[in-house]
Amino acid sequence: MQEPSEAPDGLQVETPGRSRRWPWVLLSLALLIGLPLGIIGFSSWSAWRGVERVELGGVLQGSQTGTNYLVVGTDSREGLDPNLPHLGAFSGARTDTIAVLRVEGATVSLLAIPRDLYVPLATGTTNRINAAFAFGGPAALVATVQTQLRIGIDHYLQIDLAGFLGLVDALGGVTVHFPHPAFDEKSGLAIETAGPIELNGPEALAYVRSRRYTERIDGLLVTDPTSDLGRVQRQQRFLGAVMSELGATRNPFTLIGAMEAVGNHVAVNEGLGLIEAARLGFTLRGADPLSATVPTDRFITSSGADVLVFNGESDAVLAAFRG
């Protein structure tokens, strides 16, 4: 097999075992898309028209028994304030998240796909799966997921960092309860007091990106030993807070404003219409998704590259997203 190649524009690949930043936040995007429909139809349609369309008609295979959405979060800096701290700087976009969201009747499931999964790509090489997006864009990533995981994809959803920030700020902030003051110098998190704290966009981003989450407990600084596991739990709590904010909002103009704020930072396949997006949003409202990650084993290539490969438990988990 070919060894993993370096990705363009400083593309960094996470070490095996790291969890994804975005899956739970991306679910709020679909919820947001659905809520305005039927409240102000024309405004919803106008906002929806601003969403970028990706041509995937000849690639998507679809699912026979449910609907599978390939959900991708990128950390593109396009549209962000260049003076925003703690983000770093590079050109292009990296796949911060690759996940399959499956809706089958009233059941909602979410499958996280490790970016370091080492498979043959639709681009013709064998590499980490996130390299499919880096070198071949959404079409190559969709084709690779369908071929290597044998999961048919019906629709494609993508959002970047600016869209996340716009969503939070358009809602006027999102309130999160902190049991203790919390800090992370690398992500920029700095919460000085315990209790319910309203986070603006940059503060929320620092919270969900925190890997070295440190609390001040009885005068002592205590760093979360669970690292990325703790981060996933915080992302889940944040999603719950976003859903609470959206559910409590009675002003339809706030909802429309939130959708408009993310519209220019979202991409979907050209076959996903507003009605179906709205249906997805209402399905997700109040849902408690069943979550899984593709089971893998660590593998060191002959050149010393640290990657992940399928193991004996992979098929059993993937089977729930096939068909």
C-alpha atoms as a PDB file:
ATOM      1  CA  MET A   1       0.000   0.000   0.000  1.00  0.00           C
ATOM      2  CA  GLN A   2       1.072   3.573  -0.572  1.00  0.00           C
ATOM      3  CA  GLU A   3       2.111   5.514   2.468  1.00  0.00           C
ATOM      4  CA  PRO A   4       0.012   8.466   3.625  1.00  0.00           C
ATOM      5  CA  SER A   5       0.988  11.585   1.735  1.00  0.00           C
ATOM      6  CA  GLU A   6       1.282  15.028   3.192  1.00  0.00           C
ATOM      7  CA  ALA A   7      -1.932  16.979   2.844  1.00  0.00           C
ATOM      8  CA  PRO A   8      -1.925  20.388   1.157  1.00  0.00           C
ATOM      9  CA  ASP A   9      -1.723  23.769   2.838  1.00  0.00           C
ATOM     10  CA  GLY A  10      -0.397  22.444   6.116  1.00  0.00           C
ATOM     11  CA  LEU A  11      -3.198  19.952   6.543  1.00  0.00           C
ATOM     12  CA  GLN A  12      -2.735  18.385   9.959  1.00  0.00           C
ATOM     13  CA  VAL A  13      -3.968  14.938  10.833  1.00  0.00           C
ATOM     14  CA  GLU A  14      -5.004  14.052  14.345  1.00  0.00           C
ATOM     15  CA  THR A  15      -3.396  11.196  16.177  1.00  0.00           C
ATOM     16  CA  PRO A  16      -5.481   8.025  16.471  1.00  0.00           C
ATOM     17  CA  GLY A  17      -8.162   8.046  19.137  1.00  0.00           C
ATOM     18  CA  ARG A  18      -8.969  11.744  19.008  1.00  0.00           C
ATOM     19  CA  SER A  19     -12.673  12.499  18.888  1.00  0.00           C
ATOM     20  CA  ARG A  20     -14.266  14.951  16.507  1.00  0.00           C
ATOM     21  CA  ARG A  21     -15.155  18.525  17.406  1.00  0.00           C
ATOM     22  CA  TRP A  22     -18.306  19.095  15.438  1.00  0.00           C
ATOM     23  CA  PRO A  23     -20.858  16.259  15.231  1.00  0.00           C
ATOM     24  CA  TRP A  24     -23.101  17.528  18.025  1.00  0.00           C
ATOM     25  CA  VAL A  25     -22.877  21.141  16.904  1.00  0.00           C
ATOM     26  CA  LEU A  26     -23.717  20.172  13.333  1.00  0.00           C
ATOM     27  CA  LEU A  27     -26.962  18.592  14.464  1.00  0.00           C
ATOM     28  CA  SER A  28     -28.072  22.009  15.682  1.00  0.00           C
ATOM     29  CA  LEU A  29     -27.535  23.310  12.143  1.00  0.00           C
ATOM     30  CA  ALA A  30     -30.112  20.893  10.771  1.00  0.00           C
ATOM     31  CA  LEU A  31     -32.475  21.808  13.621  1.00  0.00           C
ATOM     32  CA  LEU A  32     -31.985  25.477  12.802  1.00  0.00           C
ATOM     33  CA  ILE A  33     -32.744  24.913   9.120  1.00  0.00           C
ATOM     34  CA  GLY A  34     -36.055  23.266   9.940  1.00  0.00           C
ATOM     35  CA  LEU A  35     -37.477  25.631  12.544  1.00  0.00           C
ATOM     36  CA  PRO A  36     -38.200  28.725  10.423  1.00  0.00           C
ATOM     37  CA  LEU A  37     -40.238  26.875   7.790  1.00  0.00           C
ATOM     38  CA  GLY A  38     -43.942  27.573   8.212  1.00  0.00           C
ATOM     39  CA  ILE A  39     -43.185  30.602  10.391  1.00  0.00           C
ATOM     40  CA  ILE A  40     -42.048  32.964   7.681  1.00  0.00           C
ATOM     41  CA  GLY A  41     -42.006  30.934   4.479  1.00  0.00           C
ATOM     42  CA  PHE A  42     -40.583  33.573   2.164  1.00  0.00           C
ATOM     43  CA  SER A  43     -37.775  34.549   4.529  1.00  0.00           C
ATOM     44  CA  SER A  44     -36.914  30.890   5.027  1.00  0.00           C
ATOM     45  CA  TRP A  45     -36.759  30.395   1.285  1.00  0.00           C
ATOM     46  CA  SER A  46     -34.598  33.498   0.834  1.00  0.00           C
ATOM     47  CA  ALA A  47     -32.142  32.343   3.481  1.00  0.00           C
ATOM     48  CA  TRP A  48     -32.084  28.832   2.031  1.00  0.00           C
ATOM     49  CA  ARG A  49     -31.199  30.214  -1.401  1.00  0.00           C
ATOM     50  CA  GLY A  50     -27.933  31.554   0.049  1.00  0.00           C
ATOM     51  CA  VAL A  51     -26.717  28.063   0.953  1.00  0.00           C
ATOM     52  CA  GLU A  52     -23.963  26.784  -1.352  1.00  0.00           C
ATOM     53  CA  ARG A  53     -24.884  23.776  -3.510  1.00  0.00           C
ATOM     54  CA  VAL A  54     -22.456  20.944  -4.260  1.00  0.00           C
ATOM     55  CA  GLU A  55     -22.955  18.861  -7.412  1.00  0.00           C
ATOM     56  CA  LEU A  56     -23.078  15.239  -6.264  1.00  0.00           C
ATOM     57  CA  GLY A  57     -25.932  13.843  -8.351  1.00  0.00           C
ATOM     58  CA  GLY A  58     -23.757  11.242 -10.043  1.00  0.00           C
ATOM     59  CA  VAL A  59     -22.060  10.170  -6.814  1.00  0.00           C
ATOM     60  CA  LEU A  60     -24.747   9.700  -4.161  1.00  0.00           C
ATOM     61  CA  GLN A  61     -25.986   6.094  -3.967  1.00  0.00           C
ATOM     62  CA  GLY A  62     -28.592   6.525  -1.237  1.00  0.00           C
ATOM     63  CA  SER A  63     -29.921   4.189   1.432  1.00  0.00           C
ATOM     64  CA  GLN A  64     -32.852   1.812   0.862  1.00  0.00           C
ATOM     65  CA  THR A  65     -34.290   1.716   4.373  1.00  0.00           C
ATOM     66  CA  GLY A  66     -33.398   5.114   5.837  1.00  0.00           C
ATOM     67  CA  THR A  67     -31.785   8.424   4.964  1.00  0.00           C
ATOM     68  CA  ASN A  68     -28.039   8.935   5.472  1.00  0.00           C
ATOM     69  CA  TYR A  69     -26.478  12.395   5.637  1.00  0.00           C
ATOM     70  CA  LEU A  70     -22.710  12.737   5.350  1.00  0.00           C
ATOM     71  CA  VAL A  71     -21.939  15.559   7.777  1.00  0.00           C
ATOM     72  CA  VAL A  72     -18.629  17.373   7.389  1.00  0.00           C
ATOM     73  CA  GLY A  73     -17.267  20.167   9.577  1.00  0.00           C
ATOM     74  CA  THR A  74     -14.302  22.136   8.269  1.00  0.00           C
ATOM     75  CA  ASP A  75     -12.029  24.568  10.058  1.00  0.00           C
ATOM     76  CA  SER A  76     -11.803  26.957   7.133  1.00  0.00           C
ATOM     77  CA  ARG A  77     -10.924  30.487   8.270  1.00  0.00           C
ATOM     78  CA  GLU A  78     -12.778  32.090   5.359  1.00  0.00           C
ATOM     79  CA  GLY A  79     -15.110  34.810   6.580  1.00  0.00           C
ATOM     80  CA  LEU A  80     -13.527  34.987  10.033  1.00  0.00           C
ATOM     81  CA  ASP A  81     -12.049  38.087  11.622  1.00  0.00           C
ATOM     82  CA  PRO A  82      -8.279  37.682  11.018  1.00  0.00           C
ATOM     83  CA  ASN A  83      -7.676  39.191  14.459  1.00  0.00           C
ATOM     84  CA  LEU A  84      -9.692  36.516  16.241  1.00  0.00           C
ATOM     85  CA  PRO A  85      -7.260  34.874  18.710  1.00  0.00           C
ATOM     86  CA  HIS A  86      -6.428  31.220  19.328  1.00  0.00           C
ATOM     87  CA  LEU A  87      -7.426  29.937  15.882  1.00  0.00           C
ATOM     88  CA  GLY A  88      -4.066  29.846  14.114  1.00  0.00           C
ATOM     89  CA  ALA A  89      -3.768  30.684  10.442  1.00  0.00           C
ATOM     90  CA  PHE A  90      -3.585  28.622   7.287  1.00  0.00           C
ATOM     91  CA  SER A  91      -5.194  28.610   3.847  1.00  0.00           C
ATOM     92  CA  GLY A  92      -7.716  26.068   2.636  1.00  0.00           C
ATOM     93  CA  ALA A  93      -9.939  23.844   4.750  1.00  0.00           C
ATOM     94  CA  ARG A  94      -9.460  20.683   6.776  1.00  0.00           C
ATOM     95  CA  THR A  95     -12.147  18.177   7.664  1.00  0.00           C
ATOM     96  CA  ASP A  96     -12.540  18.696  11.391  1.00  0.00           C
ATOM     97  CA  THR A  97     -15.395  16.202  11.445  1.00  0.00           C
ATOM     98  CA  ILE A  98     -16.593  13.360   9.244  1.00  0.00           C
ATOM     99  CA  ALA A  99     -19.804  11.707  10.411  1.00  0.00           C
ATOM    100  CA  VAL A 100     -22.846   9.878   9.081  1.00  0.00           C
ATOM    101  CA  LEU A 101     -26.205  11.012  10.443  1.00  0.00           C
ATOM    102  CA  ARG A 102     -28.887   8.375   9.828  1.00  0.00           C
ATOM    103  CA  VAL A 103     -32.639   8.929  10.139  1.00  0.00           C
ATOM    104  CA  GLU A 104     -34.803   5.796   9.972  1.00  0.00           C
ATOM    105  CA  GLY A 105     -38.344   6.461  11.073  1.00  0.00           C
ATOM    106  CA  ALA A 106     -38.140   8.083  14.508  1.00  0.00           C
ATOM    107  CA  THR A 107     -34.642   6.687  15.161  1.00  0.00           C
ATOM    108  CA  VAL A 108     -31.686   9.049  14.766  1.00  0.00           C
ATOM    109  CA  SER A 109     -28.119   7.674  14.817  1.00  0.00           C
ATOM    110  CA  LEU A 110     -24.742   9.336  14.449  1.00  0.00           C
ATOM    111  CA  LEU A 111     -21.559   7.564  13.339  1.00  0.00           C
ATOM    112  CA  ALA A 112     -18.196   9.325  13.793  1.00  0.00           C
ATOM    113  CA  ILE A 113     -15.606   8.343  11.182  1.00  0.00           C
ATOM    114  CA  PRO A 114     -12.005   8.765  12.386  1.00  0.00           C
ATOM    115  CA  ARG A 115     -10.058  11.083  10.106  1.00  0.00           C
ATOM    116  CA  ASP A 116      -7.012   8.818  10.412  1.00  0.00           C
ATOM    117  CA  LEU A 117      -8.862   5.794   8.999  1.00  0.00           C
ATOM    118  CA  TYR A 118      -6.434   4.346   6.423  1.00  0.00           C
ATOM    119  CA  VAL A 119      -8.284   3.142   3.317  1.00  0.00           C
ATOM    120  CA  PRO A 120      -8.105   3.172  -0.493  1.00  0.00           C
ATOM    121  CA  LEU A 121      -9.464   6.537  -1.609  1.00  0.00           C
ATOM    122  CA  ALA A 122     -11.620   7.440  -4.586  1.00  0.00           C
ATOM    123  CA  THR A 123      -8.704   9.608  -5.724  1.00  0.00           C
ATOM    124  CA  GLY A 124      -6.727   6.455  -6.532  1.00  0.00           C
ATOM    125  CA  THR A 125      -4.325   6.294  -3.583  1.00  0.00           C
ATOM    126  CA  THR A 126      -4.393   4.682  -0.149  1.00  0.00           C
ATOM    127  CA  ASN A 127      -4.314   7.270   2.589  1.00  0.00           C
ATOM    128  CA  ARG A 128      -6.125   8.674   5.602  1.00  0.00           C
ATOM    129  CA  ILE A 129      -9.789   9.179   4.760  1.00  0.00           C
ATOM    130  CA  ASN A 130      -9.668  12.935   5.354  1.00  0.00           C
ATOM    131  CA  ALA A 131      -7.195  13.168   2.459  1.00  0.00           C
ATOM    132  CA  ALA A 132     -10.087  12.288   0.129  1.00  0.00           C
ATOM    133  CA  PHE A 133     -11.642  15.688   0.894  1.00  0.00           C
ATOM    134  CA  ALA A 134      -8.289  17.486   0.831  1.00  0.00           C
ATOM    135  CA  PHE A 135      -7.337  16.199  -2.619  1.00  0.00           C
ATOM    136  CA  GLY A 136     -10.698  15.442  -4.258  1.00  0.00           C
ATOM    137  CA  GLY A 137     -13.324  17.535  -2.464  1.00  0.00           C
ATOM    138  CA  PRO A 138     -16.793  16.413  -1.324  1.00  0.00           C
ATOM    139  CA  ALA A 139     -17.336  14.027  -4.263  1.00  0.00           C
ATOM    140  CA  ALA A 140     -14.191  12.032  -3.481  1.00  0.00           C
ATOM    141  CA  LEU A 141     -15.056  11.882   0.216  1.00  0.00           C
ATOM    142  CA  VAL A 142     -18.622  10.691  -0.440  1.00  0.00           C
ATOM    143  CA  ALA A 143     -17.394   8.076  -2.918  1.00  0.00           C
ATOM    144  CA  THR A 144     -14.771   6.825  -0.468  1.00  0.00           C
ATOM    145  CA  VAL A 145     -17.271   6.480   2.390  1.00  0.00           C
ATOM    146  CA  GLN A 146     -19.690   4.596   0.153  1.00  0.00           C
ATOM    147  CA  THR A 147     -17.035   2.227  -1.212  1.00  0.00           C
ATOM    148  CA  GLN A 148     -14.949   1.565   1.888  1.00  0.00           C
ATOM    149  CA  LEU A 149     -17.624   1.687   4.608  1.00  0.00           C
ATOM    150  CA  ARG A 150     -20.358   0.365   2.272  1.00  0.00           C
ATOM    151  CA  ILE A 151     -22.763   3.040   3.539  1.00  0.00           C
ATOM    152  CA  GLY A 152     -24.970   4.627   0.891  1.00  0.00           C
ATOM    153  CA  ILE A 153     -25.189   8.416   1.249  1.00  0.00           C
ATOM    154  CA  ASP A 154     -28.381  10.339   0.394  1.00  0.00           C
ATOM    155  CA  HIS A 155     -27.349  13.902   1.244  1.00  0.00           C
ATOM    156  CA  TYR A 156     -24.314  16.011   2.121  1.00  0.00           C
ATOM    157  CA  LEU A 157     -24.072  18.764   4.795  1.00  0.00           C
ATOM    158  CA  GLN A 158     -21.000  20.946   5.448  1.00  0.00           C
ATOM    159  CA  ILE A 159     -20.374  23.908   7.774  1.00  0.00           C
ATOM    160  CA  ASP A 160     -17.281  25.926   8.659  1.00  0.00           C
ATOM    161  CA  LEU A 161     -16.082  27.861  11.719  1.00  0.00           C
ATOM    162  CA  ALA A 162     -17.613  31.145  10.617  1.00  0.00           C
ATOM    163  CA  GLY A 163     -21.000  29.460  10.359  1.00  0.00           C
ATOM    164  CA  PHE A 164     -20.689  28.172  13.912  1.00  0.00           C
ATOM    165  CA  LEU A 165     -19.771  31.621  15.218  1.00  0.00           C
ATOM    166  CA  GLY A 166     -22.597  33.227  13.257  1.00  0.00           C
ATOM    167  CA  LEU A 167     -25.154  30.798  14.679  1.00  0.00           C
ATOM    168  CA  VAL A 168     -24.205  31.530  18.280  1.00  0.00           C
ATOM    169  CA  ASP A 169     -24.057  35.294  17.841  1.00  0.00           C
ATOM    170  CA  ALA A 170     -27.344  35.429  15.899  1.00  0.00           C
ATOM    171  CA  LEU A 171     -29.039  33.703  18.829  1.00  0.00           C
ATOM    172  CA  GLY A 172     -27.666  36.420  21.106  1.00  0.00           C
ATOM    173  CA  GLY A 173     -25.371  33.945  22.837  1.00  0.00           C
ATOM    174  CA  VAL A 174     -25.838  30.492  24.327  1.00  0.00           C
ATOM    175  CA  THR A 175     -26.006  29.900  28.072  1.00  0.00           C
ATOM    176  CA  VAL A 176     -23.900  27.066  29.501  1.00  0.00           C
ATOM    177  CA  HIS A 177     -23.707  26.063  33.176  1.00  0.00           C
ATOM    178  CA  PHE A 178     -20.171  25.871  34.579  1.00  0.00           C
ATOM    179  CA  PRO A 179     -19.843  24.035  37.914  1.00  0.00           C
ATOM    180  CA  HIS A 180     -16.458  25.704  38.425  1.00  0.00           C
ATOM    181  CA  PRO A 181     -14.378  28.459  36.815  1.00  0.00           C
ATOM    182  CA  ALA A 182     -12.766  26.953  33.708  1.00  0.00           C
ATOM    183  CA  PHE A 183      -9.768  27.744  31.511  1.00  0.00           C
ATOM    184  CA  ASP A 184      -7.833  26.534  28.489  1.00  0.00           C
ATOM    185  CA  GLU A 185      -5.026  28.827  27.338  1.00  0.00           C
ATOM    186  CA  LYS A 186      -4.703  27.091  23.987  1.00  0.00           C
ATOM    187  CA  SER A 187      -8.359  27.370  22.957  1.00  0.00           C
ATOM    188  CA  GLY A 188      -8.811  30.743  24.679  1.00  0.00           C
ATOM    189  CA  LEU A 189     -11.411  29.596  27.202  1.00  0.00           C
ATOM    190  CA  ALA A 190     -11.498  31.852  30.268  1.00  0.00           C
ATOM    191  CA  ILE A 191     -14.538  31.508  32.554  1.00  0.00           C
ATOM    192  CA  GLU A 192     -13.825  33.310  35.823  1.00  0.00           C
ATOM    193  CA  THR A 193     -16.953  32.387  37.790  1.00  0.00           C
ATOM    194  CA  ALA A 194     -19.142  29.317  38.263  1.00  0.00           C
ATOM    195  CA  GLY A 195     -22.805  29.197  37.314  1.00  0.00           C
ATOM    196  CA  PRO A 196     -24.803  29.892  34.141  1.00  0.00           C
ATOM    197  CA  ILE A 197     -22.634  31.884  31.713  1.00  0.00           C
ATOM    198  CA  GLU A 198     -23.840  33.309  28.408  1.00  0.00           C
ATOM    199  CA  LEU A 199     -21.194  32.580  25.767  1.00  0.00           C
ATOM    200  CA  ASN A 200     -20.792  34.613  22.616  1.00  0.00           C
ATOM    201  CA  GLY A 201     -19.486  33.051  19.388  1.00  0.00           C
ATOM    202  CA  PRO A 202     -15.724  33.127  20.121  1.00  0.00           C
ATOM    203  CA  GLU A 203     -16.294  32.037  23.730  1.00  0.00           C
ATOM    204  CA  ALA A 204     -18.489  29.137  22.611  1.00  0.00           C
ATOM    205  CA  LEU A 205     -15.875  28.085  20.073  1.00  0.00           C
ATOM    206  CA  ALA A 206     -13.203  28.118  22.790  1.00  0.00           C
ATOM    207  CA  TYR A 207     -15.452  25.928  24.935  1.00  0.00           C
ATOM    208  CA  VAL A 208     -16.225  23.233  22.350  1.00  0.00           C
ATOM    209  CA  ARG A 209     -12.613  23.157  21.073  1.00  0.00           C
ATOM    210  CA  SER A 210     -11.021  22.823  24.517  1.00  0.00           C
ATOM    211  CA  ARG A 211      -8.712  19.819  24.863  1.00  0.00           C
ATOM    212  CA  ARG A 212      -7.006  20.883  28.100  1.00  0.00           C
ATOM    213  CA  TYR A 213     -10.103  21.842  30.031  1.00  0.00           C
ATOM    214  CA  THR A 214      -8.920  23.051  33.441  1.00  0.00           C
ATOM    215  CA  GLU A 215     -11.180  23.951  36.379  1.00  0.00           C
ATOM    216  CA  ARG A 216     -10.404  25.860  39.554  1.00  0.00           C
ATOM    217  CA  ILE A 217     -11.786  23.678  42.343  1.00  0.00           C
ATOM    218  CA  ASP A 218     -11.272  24.783  45.961  1.00  0.00           C
ATOM    219  CA  GLY A 219      -8.381  26.957  44.860  1.00  0.00           C
ATOM    220  CA  LEU A 220      -6.642  24.179  42.915  1.00  0.00           C
ATOM    221  CA  LEU A 221      -6.326  23.911  39.125  1.00  0.00           C
ATOM    222  CA  VAL A 222      -7.600  20.517  37.960  1.00  0.00           C
ATOM    223  CA  THR A 223      -7.220  19.494  34.314  1.00  0.00           C
ATOM    224  CA  ASP A 224      -9.796  17.084  32.911  1.00  0.00           C
ATOM    225  CA  PRO A 225      -7.918  13.748  32.648  1.00  0.00           C
ATOM    226  CA  THR A 226     -10.355  12.348  30.073  1.00  0.00           C
ATOM    227  CA  SER A 227      -9.129  14.799  27.406  1.00  0.00           C
ATOM    228  CA  ASP A 228     -11.169  14.271  24.236  1.00  0.00           C
ATOM    229  CA  LEU A 229     -13.805  12.138  25.965  1.00  0.00           C
ATOM    230  CA  GLY A 230     -14.528  15.082  28.224  1.00  0.00           C
ATOM    231  CA  ARG A 231     -14.567  17.389  25.218  1.00  0.00           C
ATOM    232  CA  VAL A 232     -17.232  15.264  23.511  1.00  0.00           C
ATOM    233  CA  GLN A 233     -19.339  15.412  26.671  1.00  0.00           C
ATOM    234  CA  ARG A 234     -19.005  19.199  26.737  1.00  0.00           C
ATOM    235  CA  GLN A 235     -20.013  19.359  23.073  1.00  0.00           C
ATOM    236  CA  GLN A 236     -23.127  17.351  23.911  1.00  0.00           C
ATOM    237  CA  ARG A 237     -23.982  19.759  26.710  1.00  0.00           C
ATOM    238  CA  PHE A 238     -23.456  22.671  24.356  1.00  0.00           C
ATOM    239  CA  LEU A 239     -25.777  21.147  21.754  1.00  0.00           C
ATOM    240  CA  GLY A 240     -28.410  20.782  24.452  1.00  0.00           C
ATOM    241  CA  ALA A 241     -27.958  24.463  25.302  1.00  0.00           C
ATOM    242  CA  VAL A 242     -28.302  25.448  21.618  1.00  0.00           C
ATOM    243  CA  MET A 243     -31.484  23.391  21.290  1.00  0.00           C
ATOM    244  CA  SER A 244     -32.809  25.015  24.442  1.00  0.00           C
ATOM    245  CA  GLU A 245     -32.114  28.484  23.044  1.00  0.00           C
ATOM    246  CA  LEU A 246     -33.781  27.617  19.734  1.00  0.00           C
ATOM    247  CA  GLY A 247     -36.752  25.982  21.402  1.00  0.00           C
ATOM    248  CA  ALA A 248     -37.265  28.944  23.744  1.00  0.00           C
ATOM    249  CA  THR A 249     -37.078  31.499  20.946  1.00  0.00           C
ATOM    250  CA  ARG A 250     -40.553  32.684  20.028  1.00  0.00           C
ATOM    251  CA  ASN A 251     -39.399  35.492  17.742  1.00  0.00           C
ATOM    252  CA  PRO A 252     -39.347  34.049  14.191  1.00  0.00           C
ATOM    253  CA  PHE A 253     -37.092  36.892  13.043  1.00  0.00           C
ATOM    254  CA  THR A 254     -34.403  35.667  15.435  1.00  0.00           C
ATOM    255  CA  LEU A 255     -34.603  32.219  13.862  1.00  0.00           C
ATOM    256  CA  ILE A 256     -34.484  33.636  10.361  1.00  0.00           C
ATOM    257  CA  GLY A 257     -31.536  35.840  11.350  1.00  0.00           C
ATOM    258  CA  ALA A 258     -29.710  32.819  12.708  1.00  0.00           C
ATOM    259  CA  MET A 259     -30.262  30.912   9.482  1.00  0.00           C
ATOM    260  CA  GLU A 260     -29.083  33.870   7.427  1.00  0.00           C
ATOM    261  CA  ALA A 261     -25.963  34.114   9.598  1.00  0.00           C
ATOM    262  CA  VAL A 262     -24.905  30.579   8.735  1.00  0.00           C
ATOM    263  CA  GLY A 263     -26.229  30.471   5.178  1.00  0.00           C
ATOM    264  CA  ASN A 264     -23.028  31.644   3.492  1.00  0.00           C
ATOM    265  CA  HIS A 265     -20.967  29.139   5.466  1.00  0.00           C
ATOM    266  CA  VAL A 266     -23.005  26.028   4.746  1.00  0.00           C
ATOM    267  CA  ALA A 267     -22.867  23.724   1.729  1.00  0.00           C
ATOM    268  CA  VAL A 268     -25.359  20.979   0.822  1.00  0.00           C
ATOM    269  CA  ASN A 269     -25.825  18.712  -2.163  1.00  0.00           C
ATOM    270  CA  GLU A 270     -27.984  20.220  -4.878  1.00  0.00           C
ATOM    271  CA  GLY A 271     -30.738  17.643  -4.321  1.00  0.00           C
ATOM    272  CA  LEU A 272     -31.434  18.663  -0.718  1.00  0.00           C
ATOM    273  CA  GLY A 273     -34.398  21.053  -0.754  1.00  0.00           C
ATOM    274  CA  LEU A 274     -35.832  23.275   1.942  1.00  0.00           C
ATOM    275  CA  ILE A 275     -38.790  20.959   2.615  1.00  0.00           C
ATOM    276  CA  GLU A 276     -36.561  17.958   3.282  1.00  0.00           C
ATOM    277  CA  ALA A 277     -34.145  20.061   5.332  1.00  0.00           C
ATOM    278  CA  ALA A 278     -37.099  21.260   7.399  1.00  0.00           C
ATOM    279  CA  ARG A 279     -38.291  17.695   7.868  1.00  0.00           C
ATOM    280  CA  LEU A 280     -34.822  16.781   9.151  1.00  0.00           C
ATOM    281  CA  GLY A 281     -34.878  19.729  11.530  1.00  0.00           C
ATOM    282  CA  PHE A 282     -38.209  18.745  13.042  1.00  0.00           C
ATOM    283  CA  THR A 283     -37.075  15.126  13.352  1.00  0.00           C
ATOM    284  CA  LEU A 284     -33.991  16.196  15.282  1.00  0.00           C
ATOM    285  CA  ARG A 285     -35.930  18.494  17.571  1.00  0.00           C
ATOM    286  CA  GLY A 286     -35.795  16.853  20.978  1.00  0.00           C
ATOM    287  CA  ALA A 287     -34.055  13.769  19.587  1.00  0.00           C
ATOM    288  CA  ASP A 288     -31.413  11.916  21.591  1.00  0.00           C
ATOM    289  CA  PRO A 289     -29.220  10.437  18.832  1.00  0.00           C
ATOM    290  CA  LEU A 290     -27.661   7.014  19.241  1.00  0.00           C
ATOM    291  CA  SER A 291     -23.928   7.623  18.870  1.00  0.00           C
ATOM    292  CA  ALA A 292     -21.131   5.357  17.689  1.00  0.00           C
ATOM    293  CA  THR A 293     -17.590   5.563  16.349  1.00  0.00           C
ATOM    294  CA  VAL A 294     -16.133   3.245  13.727  1.00  0.00           C
ATOM    295  CA  PRO A 295     -14.159   0.620  15.731  1.00  0.00           C
ATOM    296  CA  THR A 296     -10.519   0.627  14.680  1.00  0.00           C
ATOM    297  CA  ASP A 297      -7.072  -0.606  15.614  1.00  0.00           C
ATOM    298  CA  ARG A 298      -3.888   1.402  15.604  1.00  0.00           C
ATOM    299  CA  PHE A 299      -1.513   0.599  12.748  1.00  0.00           C
ATOM    300  CA  ILE A 300       2.021   1.793  12.018  1.00  0.00           C
ATOM    301  CA  THR A 301       2.960   1.779   8.346  1.00  0.00           C
ATOM    302  CA  SER A 302       6.405   0.796   7.096  1.00  0.00           C
ATOM    303  CA  SER A 303       7.345   4.474   6.936  1.00  0.00           C
ATOM    304  CA  GLY A 304       6.280   5.011  10.556  1.00  0.00           C
ATOM    305  CA  ALA A 305       2.951   6.726   9.852  1.00  0.00           C
ATOM    306  CA  ASP A 306       0.505   6.321  12.742  1.00  0.00           C
ATOM    307  CA  VAL A 307      -2.937   5.492  11.313  1.00  0.00           C
ATOM    308  CA  LEU A 308      -6.124   3.545  12.036  1.00  0.00           C
ATOM    309  CA  VAL A 309      -7.524   0.473  10.295  1.00  0.00           C
ATOM    310  CA  PHE A 310     -10.784  -1.473  10.550  1.00  0.00           C
ATOM    311  CA  ASN A 311     -10.897  -4.259  13.120  1.00  0.00           C
ATOM    312  CA  GLY A 312     -13.074  -7.300  13.777  1.00  0.00           C
ATOM    313  CA  GLU A 313     -15.819  -5.175  15.396  1.00  0.00           C
ATOM    314  CA  SER A 314     -16.132  -2.629  12.589  1.00  0.00           C
ATOM    315  CA  ASP A 315     -18.696  -4.464  10.443  1.00  0.00           C
ATOM    316  CA  ALA A 316     -21.150  -4.923  13.310  1.00  0.00           C
ATOM    317  CA  VAL A 317     -21.228  -1.167  13.951  1.00  0.00           C
ATOM    318  CA  LEU A 318     -21.281  -0.177  10.287  1.00  0.00           C
ATOM    319  CA  ALA A 319     -24.148  -2.572   9.584  1.00  0.00           C
ATOM    320  CA  ALA A 320     -26.555  -0.314  11.481  1.00  0.00           C
ATOM    321  CA  PHE A 321     -25.934   2.459   8.910  1.00  0.00           C
ATOM    322  CA  ARG A 322     -26.191   0.264   5.811  1.00  0.00           C
ATOM    323  CA  GLY A 323     -29.244  -0.891   3.903  1.00  0.00           C
END
